[in-house]
Amino acid sequence: MSREKIITAQSTGQEDEQFNIALRPRTLGECIGGGELLEKLRISIAAARGRNEPMEHVLLHGPPGLGKTTLAYVIAHEMGTNLKVSSGPALTRPSDLIGILTNLEARDVLFIDEIHRLSPAVEEYIYPAMEDFKVDFVVDSGMHSRTINLPLKPFTLIGATTRAGLLSPPLRTRFGINHHLDFWPVEDLRLRCAMTAEMIRVPCDGDALDLLAARARGTPRIANRLLRRCRDYAQVKGDGRLTTGAVTAALKLEGIDALGLDELDRRFLRVILDVYKGGPVGIEAVAATLGEETDTLVDVVEPYLLQAGLLARTRRGRLATMKAYEHLGVPYTPPPENGSLFDSESV
């Protein structure tokens, strides 16, 4: 039976989303970390409110689970306006976008998640909406066709994407604020864990929070998820308090080690180390050996392994680093000089 992967920045379902929504900060003062970005937003919001204008359009890009959606809610709250939420895959036709735009009030915020997945037809309508606050659309066809110019109330578009490289240059250049969100340092994750524990009223020790933060893979969404699992364990197996022992036991039960790797992460590395002699090896070969989908490995497993320095991408394929050998306790074997992955003679 495959183990549920809770060490993933992707949402794991409606319950996970509701938990995260309940813990979202409402103001910039409640946000943790992101000093440079938060200062940019403070200045832009204050200036826009002083002029009674919409804030500049904002593009947030980076790995999932780092707070892009949360920042959209915070910006709308700070501006004192409404927030309309949609996503790139949901806006399949121009009429979908026009319906949303025409219902926005002045200075409202429109948040489009995974904006890189907008269809080209829909994207064409966003350009004049962002620049001139209007949309032009054609009705009827042939000799009876005519263009209708529809003015819009000034609004702010916040786009979020996990793959900024897939954004078209015309769309990217129309955002006034463009910022990449990085993985959180352990210190900020500890503050997030302490805030979450206080909000859900779970007593905890400082050392237990340090342990949680160190295994959250730099992602606040994962930190909240681990805290929820450890809370359940402490309630059933202990006295309800998050202690170092309770957290250690809960994470061991989930199969999460000291670096935040779970069973699938370790299997991924072991295939490269044991079967392919440390690599380099193509991702398709690893996926076939593991019996997993290639997209799952690329989107879910590899990002943190790369960020943690356990995996390297080369032109020839994936390569396990010395840190991976040390973490899994595998002795390092230099690759053969002839370039073969295997010791046996080629047939």
Protein backbone atom coordinates (compact mmCIF):
# COMPACT_ATOMS: atom_id res chain seq x y z
CA MET A 1 0.00 0.00 0.00
CA SER A 2 1.42 3.40 -0.96
CA ARG A 3 1.94 5.87 1.84
CA GLU A 4 0.12 9.22 1.73
CA LYS A 5 2.60 11.96 0.93
CA ILE A 6 2.00 14.68 3.51
CA ILE A 7 5.41 16.26 2.91
CA THR A 8 4.21 18.05 -0.18
CA ALA A 9 3.53 21.72 -0.71
CA GLN A 10 0.46 20.88 -2.79
CA SER A 11 -2.94 20.99 -1.11
CA THR A 12 -4.06 17.54 0.04
CA GLY A 13 -7.79 18.26 -0.03
CA GLN A 14 -10.65 20.40 1.22
CA GLU A 15 -9.88 19.78 4.91
CA ASP A 16 -6.28 20.91 4.39
CA GLU A 17 -7.46 24.07 2.60
CA GLN A 18 -9.98 24.96 5.32
CA PHE A 19 -7.31 24.54 7.99
CA ASN A 20 -4.91 26.83 6.13
CA ILE A 21 -7.60 29.45 5.47
CA ALA A 22 -8.40 29.61 9.18
CA LEU A 23 -4.73 30.30 9.96
CA ARG A 24 -4.12 32.98 7.32
CA PRO A 25 -2.93 36.38 8.54
CA ARG A 26 -5.20 39.30 7.71
CA THR A 27 -2.72 42.18 7.78
CA LEU A 28 0.86 42.76 6.69
CA GLY A 29 1.80 43.17 10.35
CA GLU A 30 0.78 39.57 11.01
CA CYS A 31 2.83 38.21 8.08
CA ILE A 32 6.10 36.44 8.85
CA GLY A 33 9.32 36.86 6.86
CA GLY A 34 9.49 38.20 3.29
CA GLY A 35 11.01 41.49 4.46
CA GLU A 36 11.76 43.01 1.05
CA LEU A 37 8.43 42.02 -0.48
CA LEU A 38 6.40 43.13 2.54
CA GLU A 39 8.11 46.52 2.50
CA LYS A 40 7.34 46.92 -1.22
CA LEU A 41 3.70 46.07 -0.56
CA ARG A 42 3.45 48.45 2.40
CA ILE A 43 4.72 51.35 0.31
CA SER A 44 2.55 50.52 -2.72
CA ILE A 45 -0.59 50.05 -0.62
CA ALA A 46 -0.06 53.26 1.34
CA ALA A 47 0.57 55.24 -1.85
CA ALA A 48 -2.45 53.79 -3.62
CA ARG A 49 -4.75 54.46 -0.69
CA GLY A 50 -3.42 57.99 -0.41
CA ARG A 51 -4.30 58.65 -4.05
CA ASN A 52 -7.54 56.62 -3.83
CA GLU A 53 -6.31 54.52 -6.76
CA PRO A 54 -5.90 50.78 -7.28
CA MET A 55 -2.57 49.28 -6.35
CA GLU A 56 -0.12 48.22 -9.05
CA HIS A 57 -0.60 44.78 -10.56
CA VAL A 58 1.39 42.12 -8.69
CA LEU A 59 2.98 38.90 -9.95
CA LEU A 60 4.03 36.36 -7.31
CA HIS A 61 5.95 33.30 -8.41
CA GLY A 62 7.70 30.47 -6.62
CA PRO A 63 7.13 26.95 -5.28
CA PRO A 64 3.67 26.04 -3.94
CA GLY A 65 2.80 26.47 -0.28
CA LEU A 66 4.82 29.64 0.38
CA GLY A 67 1.91 32.07 0.80
CA LYS A 68 1.05 33.52 -2.61
CA THR A 69 -2.70 33.15 -2.08
CA THR A 70 -2.38 34.40 1.49
CA LEU A 71 -0.68 37.59 0.29
CA ALA A 72 -3.54 38.22 -2.14
CA TYR A 73 -6.02 38.11 0.74
CA VAL A 74 -3.79 40.37 2.85
CA ILE A 75 -3.44 42.94 0.05
CA ALA A 76 -7.20 43.09 -0.48
CA HIS A 77 -7.77 43.49 3.27
CA GLU A 78 -5.14 46.24 3.54
CA MET A 79 -6.68 48.05 0.58
CA GLY A 80 -10.12 47.78 2.19
CA THR A 81 -11.60 46.23 -0.96
CA ASN A 82 -13.12 42.96 -2.12
CA LEU A 83 -11.15 40.00 -3.45
CA LYS A 84 -12.30 37.89 -6.37
CA VAL A 85 -10.47 34.56 -6.73
CA SER A 86 -10.13 32.50 -9.89
CA SER A 87 -7.52 30.33 -11.61
CA GLY A 88 -5.99 29.96 -15.04
CA PRO A 89 -7.58 26.58 -15.82
CA ALA A 90 -11.03 27.85 -14.78
CA LEU A 91 -10.98 30.75 -17.26
CA THR A 92 -11.43 28.74 -20.43
CA ARG A 93 -13.30 31.33 -22.53
CA PRO A 94 -13.05 35.13 -22.88
CA SER A 95 -16.60 35.42 -21.61
CA ASP A 96 -15.51 33.85 -18.30
CA LEU A 97 -12.97 36.63 -17.77
CA ILE A 98 -15.25 39.42 -18.98
CA GLY A 99 -17.97 38.31 -16.59
CA ILE A 100 -15.56 38.61 -13.66
CA LEU A 101 -14.04 41.94 -14.77
CA THR A 102 -17.37 43.66 -15.28
CA ASN A 103 -18.46 42.75 -11.75
CA LEU A 104 -15.40 44.27 -10.07
CA GLU A 105 -15.86 47.50 -8.13
CA ALA A 106 -13.30 50.29 -8.13
CA ARG A 107 -9.97 49.27 -6.51
CA ASP A 108 -11.09 45.64 -6.07
CA VAL A 109 -8.48 42.86 -6.29
CA LEU A 110 -8.67 40.01 -8.80
CA PHE A 111 -6.48 37.04 -7.91
CA ILE A 112 -5.70 34.50 -10.64
CA ASP A 113 -3.84 31.42 -9.42
CA GLU A 114 -1.69 29.42 -11.87
CA ILE A 115 -1.93 32.34 -14.26
CA HIS A 116 0.53 30.70 -16.65
CA ARG A 117 -2.24 28.25 -17.60
CA LEU A 118 -4.48 30.93 -19.15
CA SER A 119 -5.44 30.15 -22.71
CA PRO A 120 -4.05 32.53 -25.38
CA ALA A 121 -7.59 33.68 -26.24
CA VAL A 122 -8.29 34.73 -22.64
CA GLU A 123 -4.85 36.26 -22.22
CA GLU A 124 -5.46 38.64 -25.12
CA TYR A 125 -8.34 40.20 -23.20
CA ILE A 126 -6.24 40.70 -20.08
CA TYR A 127 -3.76 43.06 -21.76
CA PRO A 128 -6.13 46.04 -22.35
CA ALA A 129 -7.90 45.30 -19.06
CA MET A 130 -4.63 45.67 -17.13
CA GLU A 131 -3.32 48.71 -19.03
CA ASP A 132 -6.39 50.75 -19.97
CA PHE A 133 -9.13 49.20 -17.82
CA LYS A 134 -11.26 48.30 -20.79
CA VAL A 135 -12.05 45.30 -22.98
CA ASP A 136 -13.00 45.19 -26.63
CA PHE A 137 -15.02 42.26 -27.88
CA VAL A 138 -16.65 41.45 -31.18
CA VAL A 139 -20.31 40.54 -31.48
CA ASP A 140 -22.01 38.91 -34.46
CA SER A 141 -19.94 37.95 -37.49
CA GLY A 142 -19.38 38.85 -41.11
CA MET A 143 -20.76 42.16 -42.38
CA HIS A 144 -22.92 42.53 -39.25
CA SER A 145 -20.02 42.21 -36.82
CA ARG A 146 -19.18 45.14 -34.58
CA THR A 147 -16.73 45.86 -31.80
CA ILE A 148 -18.02 46.91 -28.41
CA ASN A 149 -15.70 48.85 -26.10
CA LEU A 150 -16.53 48.03 -22.51
CA PRO A 151 -14.95 50.26 -19.83
CA LEU A 152 -13.95 48.68 -16.53
CA LYS A 153 -13.56 50.09 -13.07
CA PRO A 154 -9.87 50.39 -12.08
CA PHE A 155 -8.75 47.21 -10.33
CA THR A 156 -5.63 45.36 -9.21
CA LEU A 157 -4.67 42.02 -10.74
CA ILE A 158 -2.58 39.65 -8.62
CA GLY A 159 -1.20 36.71 -10.55
CA ALA A 160 0.40 33.67 -8.93
CA THR A 161 2.34 30.93 -10.64
CA THR A 162 4.66 28.10 -9.77
CA ARG A 163 6.22 28.18 -13.26
CA ALA A 164 7.08 31.76 -14.15
CA GLY A 165 9.05 30.62 -17.19
CA LEU A 166 5.81 29.63 -18.91
CA LEU A 167 4.40 33.16 -18.73
CA SER A 168 4.39 35.04 -22.02
CA PRO A 169 6.65 38.14 -22.05
CA PRO A 170 3.74 40.53 -22.88
CA LEU A 171 1.85 39.38 -19.78
CA ARG A 172 4.89 39.39 -17.50
CA THR A 173 5.88 42.95 -18.38
CA ARG A 174 2.44 44.33 -17.46
CA PHE A 175 2.95 43.64 -13.75
CA GLY A 176 4.33 46.57 -11.77
CA ILE A 177 5.52 44.38 -8.86
CA ASN A 178 7.21 41.12 -9.76
CA HIS A 179 8.56 39.03 -6.90
CA HIS A 180 9.87 35.50 -6.41
CA LEU A 181 8.97 33.80 -3.13
CA ASP A 182 11.77 31.68 -1.69
CA PHE A 183 11.65 28.81 0.78
CA TRP A 184 11.37 30.05 4.36
CA PRO A 185 14.34 29.90 6.75
CA VAL A 186 13.96 27.71 9.82
CA GLU A 187 13.62 30.77 12.09
CA ASP A 188 10.55 32.01 10.23
CA LEU A 189 9.04 28.53 10.15
CA ARG A 190 9.44 28.28 13.90
CA LEU A 191 7.53 31.54 14.31
CA ARG A 192 4.82 30.18 12.00
CA CYS A 193 4.58 26.98 14.05
CA ALA A 194 4.37 28.95 17.30
CA MET A 195 1.63 31.18 15.85
CA THR A 196 -0.32 28.16 14.58
CA ALA A 197 -0.01 26.34 17.91
CA GLU A 198 -1.33 29.41 19.71
CA MET A 199 -4.24 29.82 17.28
CA ILE A 200 -5.38 26.19 17.62
CA ARG A 201 -4.64 26.23 21.36
CA VAL A 202 -2.08 23.47 21.51
CA PRO A 203 0.46 23.70 24.37
CA CYS A 204 3.99 23.05 23.10
CA ASP A 205 7.65 23.11 24.07
CA GLY A 206 10.17 25.29 22.30
CA ASP A 207 12.34 22.33 21.34
CA ALA A 208 9.33 20.63 19.75
CA LEU A 209 8.73 23.70 17.57
CA ASP A 210 12.39 23.69 16.52
CA LEU A 211 12.03 20.07 15.48
CA LEU A 212 8.91 20.77 13.44
CA ALA A 213 10.44 23.79 11.72
CA ALA A 214 13.57 21.84 10.77
CA ARG A 215 11.53 19.16 8.99
CA ALA A 216 9.00 21.40 7.24
CA ARG A 217 11.10 21.69 4.05
CA GLY A 218 11.07 25.49 4.11
CA THR A 219 7.31 25.57 3.45
CA PRO A 220 4.74 27.02 5.89
CA ARG A 221 1.92 24.90 4.46
CA ILE A 222 3.90 21.76 5.32
CA ALA A 223 4.72 23.16 8.78
CA ASN A 224 1.00 23.62 9.50
CA ARG A 225 0.22 20.12 8.23
CA LEU A 226 2.92 18.49 10.36
CA LEU A 227 1.78 20.43 13.40
CA ARG A 228 -1.76 19.15 12.89
CA ARG A 229 -0.54 15.53 12.65
CA CYS A 230 1.63 15.92 15.74
CA ARG A 231 -1.27 17.49 17.64
CA ASP A 232 -3.43 14.44 16.90
CA TYR A 233 -0.65 12.09 18.01
CA ALA A 234 -0.06 14.00 21.25
CA GLN A 235 -3.79 14.00 22.00
CA VAL A 236 -4.17 10.24 21.53
CA LYS A 237 -0.79 8.93 22.69
CA GLY A 238 0.18 11.60 25.22
CA ASP A 239 -1.27 14.33 27.40
CA GLY A 240 -2.03 16.69 24.52
CA ARG A 241 1.17 18.71 24.83
CA LEU A 242 3.62 18.88 21.95
CA THR A 243 6.89 17.70 23.43
CA THR A 244 10.07 16.68 21.66
CA GLY A 245 9.24 13.04 22.32
CA ALA A 246 5.71 13.34 20.95
CA VAL A 247 6.85 15.17 17.82
CA THR A 248 9.69 12.72 17.20
CA ALA A 249 7.39 9.74 17.57
CA ALA A 250 4.68 11.28 15.37
CA LEU A 251 7.12 12.13 12.58
CA LYS A 252 8.69 8.68 12.80
CA LEU A 253 5.23 7.17 12.38
CA GLU A 254 4.77 9.31 9.26
CA GLY A 255 8.16 8.18 7.95
CA ILE A 256 9.70 11.67 7.99
CA ASP A 257 13.42 11.78 8.78
CA ALA A 258 15.72 14.51 10.09
CA LEU A 259 15.95 16.30 6.73
CA GLY A 260 12.21 16.20 6.13
CA LEU A 261 12.35 13.36 3.60
CA ASP A 262 9.55 10.81 3.44
CA GLU A 263 9.54 7.26 2.09
CA LEU A 264 9.08 8.27 -1.56
CA ASP A 265 11.95 10.76 -1.36
CA ARG A 266 14.27 8.12 0.07
CA ARG A 267 13.17 5.52 -2.49
CA PHE A 268 13.89 8.02 -5.25
CA LEU A 269 17.43 8.58 -3.98
CA ARG A 270 18.05 4.89 -3.31
CA VAL A 271 17.11 3.95 -6.86
CA ILE A 272 19.71 6.40 -8.15
CA LEU A 273 22.31 5.22 -5.63
CA ASP A 274 21.72 1.46 -5.71
CA VAL A 275 20.40 0.72 -9.19
CA TYR A 276 22.11 3.43 -11.22
CA LYS A 277 25.31 3.73 -9.16
CA GLY A 278 24.64 7.33 -8.20
CA GLY A 279 23.80 8.46 -11.76
CA PRO A 280 23.64 10.33 -13.98
CA VAL A 281 20.31 8.80 -15.01
CA GLY A 282 17.28 10.06 -16.88
CA ILE A 283 14.12 10.86 -14.93
CA GLU A 284 12.08 8.52 -17.13
CA ALA A 285 14.29 5.60 -16.11
CA VAL A 286 13.89 6.46 -12.42
CA ALA A 287 10.11 6.77 -12.82
CA ALA A 288 9.90 3.39 -14.55
CA THR A 289 11.97 1.73 -11.84
CA LEU A 290 9.88 3.24 -9.07
CA GLY A 291 6.57 2.65 -10.82
CA GLU A 292 5.66 6.34 -10.40
CA GLU A 293 4.54 8.98 -12.85
CA THR A 294 7.31 11.20 -14.21
CA ASP A 295 5.30 14.36 -13.46
CA THR A 296 4.94 13.30 -9.82
CA LEU A 297 8.68 12.99 -9.42
CA VAL A 298 9.45 16.25 -11.24
CA ASP A 299 6.79 18.38 -9.53
CA VAL A 300 6.53 16.81 -6.07
CA VAL A 301 9.76 14.98 -5.21
CA GLU A 302 12.62 16.69 -7.01
CA PRO A 303 12.18 20.37 -5.99
CA TYR A 304 13.08 19.85 -2.35
CA LEU A 305 15.83 17.32 -3.08
CA LEU A 306 17.44 19.90 -5.35
CA GLN A 307 16.98 22.69 -2.83
CA ALA A 308 18.42 20.54 -0.02
CA GLY A 309 21.51 19.68 -2.08
CA LEU A 310 20.72 15.96 -2.24
CA LEU A 311 20.23 15.85 -6.01
CA ALA A 312 21.85 17.52 -9.00
CA ARG A 313 20.50 17.96 -12.52
CA THR A 314 23.04 17.62 -15.29
CA ARG A 315 22.82 17.43 -19.06
CA ARG A 316 23.25 13.68 -18.81
CA GLY A 317 20.55 13.20 -16.15
CA ARG A 318 19.98 13.17 -12.39
CA LEU A 319 22.99 12.73 -10.13
CA ALA A 320 23.02 11.97 -6.39
CA THR A 321 25.31 14.26 -4.39
CA MET A 322 27.71 13.34 -1.61
CA LYS A 323 25.15 14.67 0.87
CA ALA A 324 22.69 12.02 -0.36
CA TYR A 325 25.28 9.26 0.16
CA GLU A 326 25.95 10.49 3.70
CA HIS A 327 22.29 10.93 4.62
CA LEU A 328 21.32 7.42 3.52
CA GLY A 329 24.51 5.84 4.85
CA VAL A 330 25.61 4.51 1.47
CA PRO A 331 29.37 4.30 0.84
CA TYR A 332 30.50 6.39 -2.10
CA THR A 333 31.72 4.48 -5.16
CA PRO A 334 33.46 6.46 -7.92
CA PRO A 335 31.85 6.00 -11.36
CA PRO A 336 33.73 3.70 -13.75
CA GLU A 337 36.08 5.42 -16.17
CA ASN A 338 34.36 3.97 -19.24
CA GLY A 339 31.15 5.81 -18.34
CA SER A 340 29.08 2.65 -17.84
CA LEU A 341 26.62 2.64 -14.96
CA PHE A 342 27.08 -1.05 -14.34
CA ASP A 343 30.05 -3.23 -13.44
CA SER A 344 29.11 -6.06 -15.78
CA GLU A 345 30.45 -6.12 -19.29
CA SER A 346 28.26 -4.61 -21.94
CA VAL A 347 26.62 -7.10 -24.27
